Amino acid sequence: MSSRRHATAGENEIWFPHGLVGLPGLTQFSLHRVEIDGPFSILQSEERDAMRFPLIDPLLIRPDYEVILSPEELCELGIAERRDLAVYAMLHVPSDASGITVNLRAPILISSTKRIGMQIIPKSNSLSVSASLAQELRREEAEVLL
C-alpha cells in the first residue's frame, strides 16, 4: 500500500473478508464520497489502483428498496442495529453517460461501526443487475407524481 493512499484512507478503510462478487481476492478497500452532499461514492481497492467502483444509495433510486439479511450475515458484519448498516448499489458508467446502469440485484453492505463490508445476492431479490439509471429515476419521478 502506498503511503499516499494509506495517509488518506484511515477512517474510510473497509475490509471485505470475502471480496466482491467475482473478485474474491480483493479484500482491502476505501470508501470516498465524490462530493460532500452528492449521491455518489467511490469504492477504491487498496490492492489494485485501477479497481474503482462508483456507488449510489439504492434508496435514492427506489425508496422501497430493501435488503433482508440472515442472522449469519448480520453477525459477520458485526451489525447490532440497522442504523449501523450502509447499503450501496454499484454503478456501471460507460463512455456514454446516458447508458449508466445500476446493479440493484447485488448490494454492497458496509458496517459503519466495524468497517466490514460484503456484497450479497439475496435469493428473494428479482431486481436487475443492469437497470438503466435514467429509467429508474424516471420511474421514481412518475410514482411520486401519482
N, C-alpha and C. Protein backbone atom coordinates (compact mmCIF):
# COMPACT_ATOMS: atom_id res chain seq x y z
N MET A 1 0.85 -1.16 0.00
CA MET A 1 0.00 0.00 0.00
C MET A 1 0.90 1.23 0.00
N SER A 2 0.58 2.17 -0.87
CA SER A 2 1.40 3.38 -0.93
C SER A 2 1.12 4.26 0.28
N SER A 3 2.11 5.04 0.68
CA SER A 3 1.93 5.91 1.83
C SER A 3 0.89 6.98 1.53
N ARG A 4 0.77 7.37 0.25
CA ARG A 4 -0.23 8.38 -0.12
C ARG A 4 -1.63 7.88 0.20
N ARG A 5 -1.95 6.67 -0.26
CA ARG A 5 -3.28 6.14 -0.01
C ARG A 5 -3.48 5.83 1.46
N HIS A 6 -2.46 5.28 2.08
CA HIS A 6 -2.57 4.94 3.49
C HIS A 6 -2.86 6.18 4.34
N ALA A 7 -2.23 7.27 4.00
CA ALA A 7 -2.42 8.50 4.77
C ALA A 7 -3.82 9.07 4.59
N THR A 8 -4.44 8.83 3.42
CA THR A 8 -5.77 9.40 3.19
C THR A 8 -6.89 8.43 3.51
N ALA A 9 -6.61 7.12 3.58
CA ALA A 9 -7.68 6.15 3.77
C ALA A 9 -8.23 6.19 5.19
N GLY A 10 -7.42 5.86 6.20
CA GLY A 10 -7.81 5.91 7.61
C GLY A 10 -9.21 5.43 7.90
N GLU A 11 -10.06 6.37 8.27
CA GLU A 11 -11.43 6.03 8.67
C GLU A 11 -12.27 5.56 7.49
N ASN A 12 -11.78 5.68 6.28
CA ASN A 12 -12.52 5.24 5.10
C ASN A 12 -12.25 3.79 4.75
N GLU A 13 -11.31 3.14 5.44
CA GLU A 13 -10.94 1.77 5.12
C GLU A 13 -12.07 0.80 5.43
N ILE A 14 -12.28 -0.13 4.48
CA ILE A 14 -13.31 -1.16 4.63
C ILE A 14 -12.66 -2.50 4.30
N TRP A 15 -12.89 -3.50 5.15
CA TRP A 15 -12.39 -4.84 4.90
C TRP A 15 -13.54 -5.71 4.42
N PHE A 16 -13.37 -6.33 3.25
CA PHE A 16 -14.34 -7.27 2.69
C PHE A 16 -13.74 -8.67 2.83
N PRO A 17 -14.08 -9.42 3.89
CA PRO A 17 -13.46 -10.73 4.12
C PRO A 17 -13.57 -11.68 2.94
N HIS A 18 -14.67 -11.58 2.17
CA HIS A 18 -14.88 -12.47 1.03
C HIS A 18 -14.69 -11.76 -0.31
N GLY A 19 -14.19 -10.55 -0.28
CA GLY A 19 -14.04 -9.79 -1.52
C GLY A 19 -15.40 -9.38 -2.07
N LEU A 20 -15.41 -8.98 -3.32
CA LEU A 20 -16.65 -8.65 -4.02
C LEU A 20 -17.02 -9.81 -4.93
N VAL A 21 -18.26 -9.85 -5.39
CA VAL A 21 -18.69 -10.89 -6.30
C VAL A 21 -17.79 -10.86 -7.54
N GLY A 22 -17.16 -11.97 -7.84
CA GLY A 22 -16.26 -12.07 -8.98
C GLY A 22 -14.84 -11.62 -8.69
N LEU A 23 -14.60 -11.04 -7.52
CA LEU A 23 -13.27 -10.56 -7.14
C LEU A 23 -12.94 -10.98 -5.70
N PRO A 24 -12.94 -12.28 -5.42
CA PRO A 24 -12.74 -12.71 -4.04
C PRO A 24 -11.36 -12.40 -3.47
N GLY A 25 -10.37 -12.16 -4.31
CA GLY A 25 -9.01 -11.91 -3.83
C GLY A 25 -8.77 -10.48 -3.38
N LEU A 26 -9.67 -9.58 -3.71
CA LEU A 26 -9.51 -8.18 -3.28
C LEU A 26 -10.34 -7.96 -2.02
N THR A 27 -9.69 -7.66 -0.91
CA THR A 27 -10.41 -7.54 0.36
C THR A 27 -10.24 -6.18 1.03
N GLN A 28 -9.25 -5.41 0.63
CA GLN A 28 -8.98 -4.11 1.27
C GLN A 28 -9.45 -2.98 0.35
N PHE A 29 -10.37 -2.18 0.85
CA PHE A 29 -10.93 -1.08 0.08
C PHE A 29 -11.00 0.17 0.94
N SER A 30 -11.23 1.28 0.28
CA SER A 30 -11.57 2.51 1.00
C SER A 30 -12.78 3.12 0.30
N LEU A 31 -13.59 3.81 1.07
CA LEU A 31 -14.82 4.39 0.57
C LEU A 31 -14.72 5.91 0.66
N HIS A 32 -14.99 6.57 -0.46
CA HIS A 32 -14.87 8.03 -0.52
C HIS A 32 -16.09 8.64 -1.18
N ARG A 33 -16.59 9.72 -0.60
CA ARG A 33 -17.68 10.48 -1.23
C ARG A 33 -17.10 11.25 -2.41
N VAL A 34 -17.84 11.32 -3.51
CA VAL A 34 -17.40 12.09 -4.67
C VAL A 34 -17.54 13.58 -4.37
N GLU A 35 -18.67 13.97 -3.82
CA GLU A 35 -18.92 15.33 -3.35
C GLU A 35 -19.54 15.21 -1.97
N ILE A 36 -19.27 16.15 -1.11
CA ILE A 36 -19.78 16.09 0.26
C ILE A 36 -21.29 15.84 0.30
N ASP A 37 -22.06 16.61 -0.46
CA ASP A 37 -23.52 16.46 -0.45
C ASP A 37 -24.05 15.69 -1.64
N GLY A 38 -23.17 15.13 -2.45
CA GLY A 38 -23.60 14.41 -3.65
C GLY A 38 -24.03 12.99 -3.34
N PRO A 39 -24.71 12.34 -4.29
CA PRO A 39 -25.23 10.99 -4.06
C PRO A 39 -24.23 9.87 -4.33
N PHE A 40 -23.06 10.20 -4.90
CA PHE A 40 -22.14 9.16 -5.34
C PHE A 40 -20.94 9.00 -4.41
N SER A 41 -20.50 7.75 -4.31
CA SER A 41 -19.28 7.40 -3.58
C SER A 41 -18.43 6.53 -4.50
N ILE A 42 -17.17 6.37 -4.13
CA ILE A 42 -16.26 5.50 -4.87
C ILE A 42 -15.69 4.47 -3.89
N LEU A 43 -15.80 3.20 -4.26
CA LEU A 43 -15.17 2.12 -3.52
C LEU A 43 -13.86 1.82 -4.23
N GLN A 44 -12.74 2.12 -3.59
CA GLN A 44 -11.40 2.03 -4.18
C GLN A 44 -10.65 0.86 -3.59
N SER A 45 -10.15 -0.03 -4.45
CA SER A 45 -9.32 -1.13 -3.98
C SER A 45 -7.99 -0.57 -3.49
N GLU A 46 -7.55 -1.03 -2.34
CA GLU A 46 -6.24 -0.65 -1.81
C GLU A 46 -5.17 -1.58 -2.35
N GLU A 47 -5.58 -2.66 -3.00
CA GLU A 47 -4.63 -3.63 -3.54
C GLU A 47 -4.37 -3.44 -5.03
N ARG A 48 -5.32 -2.84 -5.73
CA ARG A 48 -5.17 -2.56 -7.17
C ARG A 48 -5.73 -1.18 -7.46
N ASP A 49 -4.85 -0.25 -7.77
CA ASP A 49 -5.25 1.14 -8.01
C ASP A 49 -6.35 1.28 -9.06
N ALA A 50 -6.30 0.44 -10.09
CA ALA A 50 -7.25 0.57 -11.20
C ALA A 50 -8.65 0.10 -10.85
N MET A 51 -8.83 -0.55 -9.74
CA MET A 51 -10.14 -1.08 -9.36
C MET A 51 -10.89 -0.06 -8.52
N ARG A 52 -11.76 0.68 -9.19
CA ARG A 52 -12.60 1.69 -8.53
C ARG A 52 -14.04 1.44 -8.96
N PHE A 53 -14.94 1.49 -8.01
CA PHE A 53 -16.33 1.20 -8.31
C PHE A 53 -17.22 2.35 -7.82
N PRO A 54 -17.94 3.00 -8.74
CA PRO A 54 -18.86 4.05 -8.33
C PRO A 54 -20.09 3.42 -7.67
N LEU A 55 -20.54 4.05 -6.59
CA LEU A 55 -21.67 3.54 -5.82
C LEU A 55 -22.71 4.63 -5.62
N ILE A 56 -23.94 4.19 -5.36
CA ILE A 56 -25.02 5.10 -5.01
C ILE A 56 -25.91 4.40 -3.99
N ASP A 57 -26.56 5.17 -3.15
CA ASP A 57 -27.53 4.63 -2.20
C ASP A 57 -28.76 4.20 -3.02
N PRO A 58 -29.13 2.92 -3.02
CA PRO A 58 -30.26 2.48 -3.84
C PRO A 58 -31.59 3.09 -3.41
N LEU A 59 -31.69 3.58 -2.18
CA LEU A 59 -32.93 4.22 -1.74
C LEU A 59 -33.18 5.53 -2.48
N LEU A 60 -32.15 6.12 -3.05
CA LEU A 60 -32.33 7.33 -3.84
C LEU A 60 -33.01 7.02 -5.17
N ILE A 61 -32.89 5.78 -5.61
CA ILE A 61 -33.48 5.34 -6.87
C ILE A 61 -34.81 4.65 -6.63
N ARG A 62 -34.85 3.82 -5.61
CA ARG A 62 -36.05 3.07 -5.25
C ARG A 62 -36.29 3.17 -3.75
N PRO A 63 -37.15 4.08 -3.33
CA PRO A 63 -37.41 4.23 -1.89
C PRO A 63 -37.90 2.96 -1.20
N ASP A 64 -38.43 2.02 -1.97
CA ASP A 64 -38.91 0.76 -1.39
C ASP A 64 -37.83 -0.33 -1.39
N TYR A 65 -36.60 0.03 -1.76
CA TYR A 65 -35.51 -0.94 -1.82
C TYR A 65 -35.26 -1.49 -0.42
N GLU A 66 -35.17 -2.81 -0.35
CA GLU A 66 -34.98 -3.44 0.95
C GLU A 66 -34.03 -4.63 0.83
N VAL A 67 -33.15 -4.73 1.80
CA VAL A 67 -32.23 -5.87 1.87
C VAL A 67 -32.55 -6.61 3.16
N ILE A 68 -32.85 -7.88 3.02
CA ILE A 68 -33.12 -8.72 4.19
C ILE A 68 -31.89 -9.60 4.42
N LEU A 69 -31.32 -9.46 5.60
CA LEU A 69 -30.09 -10.19 5.92
C LEU A 69 -30.38 -11.34 6.87
N SER A 70 -29.64 -12.40 6.68
CA SER A 70 -29.74 -13.55 7.58
C SER A 70 -29.03 -13.19 8.89
N PRO A 71 -29.34 -13.91 9.96
CA PRO A 71 -28.61 -13.69 11.22
C PRO A 71 -27.10 -13.87 11.05
N GLU A 72 -26.70 -14.82 10.19
CA GLU A 72 -25.27 -15.05 9.95
C GLU A 72 -24.62 -13.84 9.28
N GLU A 73 -25.31 -13.25 8.31
CA GLU A 73 -24.78 -12.07 7.63
C GLU A 73 -24.67 -10.88 8.58
N LEU A 74 -25.69 -10.70 9.42
CA LEU A 74 -25.65 -9.63 10.42
C LEU A 74 -24.48 -9.83 11.37
N CYS A 75 -24.27 -11.06 11.79
CA CYS A 75 -23.17 -11.37 12.71
C CYS A 75 -21.83 -11.13 12.03
N GLU A 76 -21.69 -11.55 10.78
CA GLU A 76 -20.43 -11.38 10.07
C GLU A 76 -20.09 -9.90 9.89
N LEU A 77 -21.10 -9.08 9.68
CA LEU A 77 -20.88 -7.64 9.53
C LEU A 77 -20.71 -6.94 10.88
N GLY A 78 -21.07 -7.62 11.96
CA GLY A 78 -20.98 -7.00 13.28
C GLY A 78 -22.03 -5.94 13.49
N ILE A 79 -23.20 -6.14 12.90
CA ILE A 79 -24.29 -5.16 12.98
C ILE A 79 -25.14 -5.42 14.22
N ALA A 80 -25.20 -4.42 15.07
CA ALA A 80 -26.07 -4.51 16.25
C ALA A 80 -27.42 -3.87 15.96
N GLU A 81 -27.39 -2.78 15.20
CA GLU A 81 -28.62 -2.05 14.88
C GLU A 81 -28.63 -1.70 13.40
N ARG A 82 -29.82 -1.64 12.82
CA ARG A 82 -29.97 -1.35 11.39
C ARG A 82 -29.29 -0.03 10.99
N ARG A 83 -29.27 0.94 11.87
CA ARG A 83 -28.66 2.24 11.55
C ARG A 83 -27.15 2.14 11.37
N ASP A 84 -26.55 1.03 11.79
CA ASP A 84 -25.11 0.81 11.61
C ASP A 84 -24.77 0.24 10.24
N LEU A 85 -25.79 0.03 9.40
CA LEU A 85 -25.59 -0.58 8.10
C LEU A 85 -25.79 0.44 6.99
N ALA A 86 -24.79 0.57 6.12
CA ALA A 86 -24.90 1.39 4.92
C ALA A 86 -25.07 0.44 3.74
N VAL A 87 -26.01 0.76 2.86
CA VAL A 87 -26.29 -0.07 1.70
C VAL A 87 -25.99 0.75 0.44
N TYR A 88 -25.28 0.13 -0.49
CA TYR A 88 -24.91 0.78 -1.74
C TYR A 88 -25.24 -0.13 -2.92
N ALA A 89 -25.45 0.50 -4.06
CA ALA A 89 -25.59 -0.22 -5.32
C ALA A 89 -24.46 0.23 -6.23
N MET A 90 -23.87 -0.71 -6.95
CA MET A 90 -22.76 -0.41 -7.83
C MET A 90 -23.27 0.10 -9.17
N LEU A 91 -22.60 1.11 -9.68
CA LEU A 91 -22.94 1.69 -10.98
C LEU A 91 -21.96 1.20 -12.03
N HIS A 92 -22.43 1.10 -13.25
CA HIS A 92 -21.56 0.87 -14.41
C HIS A 92 -21.67 2.12 -15.27
N VAL A 93 -20.53 2.78 -15.48
CA VAL A 93 -20.52 4.05 -16.19
C VAL A 93 -19.75 3.87 -17.50
N PRO A 94 -20.48 3.72 -18.63
CA PRO A 94 -19.81 3.60 -19.93
C PRO A 94 -19.36 4.97 -20.42
N SER A 95 -18.67 5.00 -21.54
CA SER A 95 -18.19 6.28 -22.08
C SER A 95 -19.35 7.21 -22.39
N ASP A 96 -20.51 6.67 -22.76
CA ASP A 96 -21.70 7.49 -22.98
C ASP A 96 -22.49 7.49 -21.68
N ALA A 97 -22.43 8.60 -20.96
CA ALA A 97 -23.04 8.67 -19.62
C ALA A 97 -24.54 8.41 -19.63
N SER A 98 -25.20 8.53 -20.77
CA SER A 98 -26.63 8.25 -20.80
C SER A 98 -26.92 6.76 -20.62
N GLY A 99 -25.89 5.93 -20.75
CA GLY A 99 -26.06 4.49 -20.59
C GLY A 99 -25.68 3.96 -19.22
N ILE A 100 -25.60 4.82 -18.21
CA ILE A 100 -25.25 4.38 -16.85
C ILE A 100 -26.28 3.37 -16.36
N THR A 101 -25.79 2.27 -15.82
CA THR A 101 -26.69 1.28 -15.23
C THR A 101 -26.33 1.09 -13.75
N VAL A 102 -27.30 0.57 -13.01
CA VAL A 102 -27.12 0.34 -11.59
C VAL A 102 -27.45 -1.11 -11.28
N ASN A 103 -26.62 -1.74 -10.47
CA ASN A 103 -26.82 -3.12 -10.06
C ASN A 103 -27.65 -3.13 -8.78
N LEU A 104 -28.95 -3.35 -8.95
CA LEU A 104 -29.85 -3.40 -7.80
C LEU A 104 -29.94 -4.82 -7.23
N ARG A 105 -29.41 -5.77 -7.94
CA ARG A 105 -29.50 -7.17 -7.53
C ARG A 105 -28.49 -7.57 -6.47
N ALA A 106 -27.29 -6.97 -6.51
CA ALA A 106 -26.20 -7.40 -5.62
C ALA A 106 -25.69 -6.20 -4.81
N PRO A 107 -26.40 -5.84 -3.75
CA PRO A 107 -25.99 -4.67 -2.98
C PRO A 107 -24.67 -4.88 -2.23
N ILE A 108 -24.03 -3.76 -1.98
CA ILE A 108 -22.82 -3.75 -1.16
C ILE A 108 -23.23 -3.23 0.21
N LEU A 109 -22.90 -3.99 1.23
CA LEU A 109 -23.29 -3.67 2.60
C LEU A 109 -22.04 -3.35 3.40
N ILE A 110 -22.11 -2.28 4.19
CA ILE A 110 -20.95 -1.89 4.98
C ILE A 110 -21.40 -1.55 6.40
N SER A 111 -20.73 -2.17 7.35
CA SER A 111 -20.95 -1.84 8.76
C SER A 111 -20.22 -0.53 9.05
N SER A 112 -20.97 0.49 9.41
CA SER A 112 -20.35 1.79 9.66
C SER A 112 -19.54 1.80 10.95
N THR A 113 -19.80 0.88 11.84
CA THR A 113 -19.05 0.83 13.10
C THR A 113 -17.84 -0.10 13.02
N LYS A 114 -18.00 -1.27 12.42
CA LYS A 114 -16.92 -2.26 12.35
C LYS A 114 -16.04 -2.09 11.11
N ARG A 115 -16.53 -1.34 10.10
CA ARG A 115 -15.80 -1.11 8.84
C ARG A 115 -15.56 -2.43 8.10
N ILE A 116 -16.58 -3.29 8.14
CA ILE A 116 -16.57 -4.56 7.43
C ILE A 116 -17.61 -4.47 6.32
N GLY A 117 -17.28 -5.01 5.15
CA GLY A 117 -18.21 -4.98 4.04
C GLY A 117 -18.44 -6.34 3.43
N MET A 118 -19.54 -6.44 2.71
CA MET A 118 -19.81 -7.66 1.94
C MET A 118 -20.77 -7.30 0.81
N GLN A 119 -20.67 -8.06 -0.25
CA GLN A 119 -21.63 -7.93 -1.34
C GLN A 119 -22.42 -9.22 -1.36
N ILE A 120 -23.73 -9.09 -1.41
CA ILE A 120 -24.58 -10.28 -1.38
C ILE A 120 -25.50 -10.28 -2.59
N ILE A 121 -26.00 -11.45 -2.90
CA ILE A 121 -27.03 -11.60 -3.92
C ILE A 121 -28.20 -12.30 -3.23
N PRO A 122 -29.14 -11.51 -2.70
CA PRO A 122 -30.27 -12.12 -1.99
C PRO A 122 -31.09 -13.03 -2.90
N LYS A 123 -31.50 -14.16 -2.40
CA LYS A 123 -32.31 -15.10 -3.17
C LYS A 123 -33.65 -14.51 -3.56
N SER A 124 -34.21 -13.67 -2.70
CA SER A 124 -35.53 -13.11 -2.96
C SER A 124 -35.50 -11.85 -3.83
N ASN A 125 -34.32 -11.40 -4.20
CA ASN A 125 -34.19 -10.17 -4.98
C ASN A 125 -34.32 -10.48 -6.46
N SER A 126 -35.37 -9.97 -7.09
CA SER A 126 -35.57 -10.20 -8.52
C SER A 126 -35.20 -8.96 -9.33
N LEU A 127 -34.54 -8.00 -8.71
CA LEU A 127 -34.17 -6.77 -9.40
C LEU A 127 -33.03 -7.01 -10.38
N SER A 128 -32.84 -6.05 -11.26
CA SER A 128 -31.86 -6.19 -12.34
C SER A 128 -30.42 -5.95 -11.89
N VAL A 129 -29.52 -6.62 -12.59
CA VAL A 129 -28.09 -6.41 -12.39
C VAL A 129 -27.65 -5.16 -13.16
N SER A 130 -28.41 -4.81 -14.18
CA SER A 130 -28.03 -3.65 -15.01
C SER A 130 -29.25 -2.81 -15.37
N ALA A 131 -29.90 -2.27 -14.35
CA ALA A 131 -31.05 -1.39 -14.57
C ALA A 131 -30.56 -0.02 -15.03
N SER A 132 -31.23 0.53 -16.03
CA SER A 132 -30.86 1.86 -16.52
C SER A 132 -31.11 2.88 -15.42
N LEU A 133 -30.07 3.63 -15.05
CA LEU A 133 -30.22 4.64 -14.01
C LEU A 133 -31.25 5.70 -14.44
N ALA A 134 -31.18 6.13 -15.68
CA ALA A 134 -32.12 7.15 -16.18
C ALA A 134 -33.56 6.64 -16.10
N GLN A 135 -33.79 5.38 -16.51
CA GLN A 135 -35.15 4.83 -16.47
C GLN A 135 -35.63 4.67 -15.03
N GLU A 136 -34.75 4.23 -14.15
CA GLU A 136 -35.13 4.08 -12.74
C GLU A 136 -35.51 5.43 -12.14
N LEU A 137 -34.75 6.47 -12.47
CA LEU A 137 -35.06 7.80 -11.95
C LEU A 137 -36.37 8.32 -12.52
N ARG A 138 -36.62 8.07 -13.81
CA ARG A 138 -37.90 8.49 -14.41
C ARG A 138 -39.06 7.73 -13.78
N ARG A 139 -38.86 6.43 -13.52
CA ARG A 139 -39.90 5.62 -12.88
C ARG A 139 -40.22 6.18 -11.50
N GLU A 140 -39.19 6.54 -10.76
CA GLU A 140 -39.37 7.09 -9.42
C GLU A 140 -40.12 8.42 -9.48
N GLU A 141 -39.74 9.29 -10.42
CA GLU A 141 -40.43 10.57 -10.57
C GLU A 141 -41.89 10.37 -10.92
N ALA A 142 -42.20 9.41 -11.80
CA ALA A 142 -43.58 9.13 -12.18
C ALA A 142 -44.39 8.64 -10.99
N GLU A 143 -43.79 7.80 -10.15
CA GLU A 143 -44.51 7.30 -8.98
C GLU A 143 -44.77 8.42 -7.97
N VAL A 144 -43.86 9.37 -7.87
CA VAL A 144 -44.07 10.49 -6.95
C VAL A 144 -45.23 11.36 -7.43
N LEU A 145 -45.37 11.51 -8.75
CA LEU A 145 -46.45 12.33 -9.30
C LEU A 145 -47.81 11.69 -9.14
N LEU A 146 -47.86 10.35 -9.04
CA LEU A 146 -49.14 9.65 -8.87
C LEU A 146 -49.63 9.90 -7.51
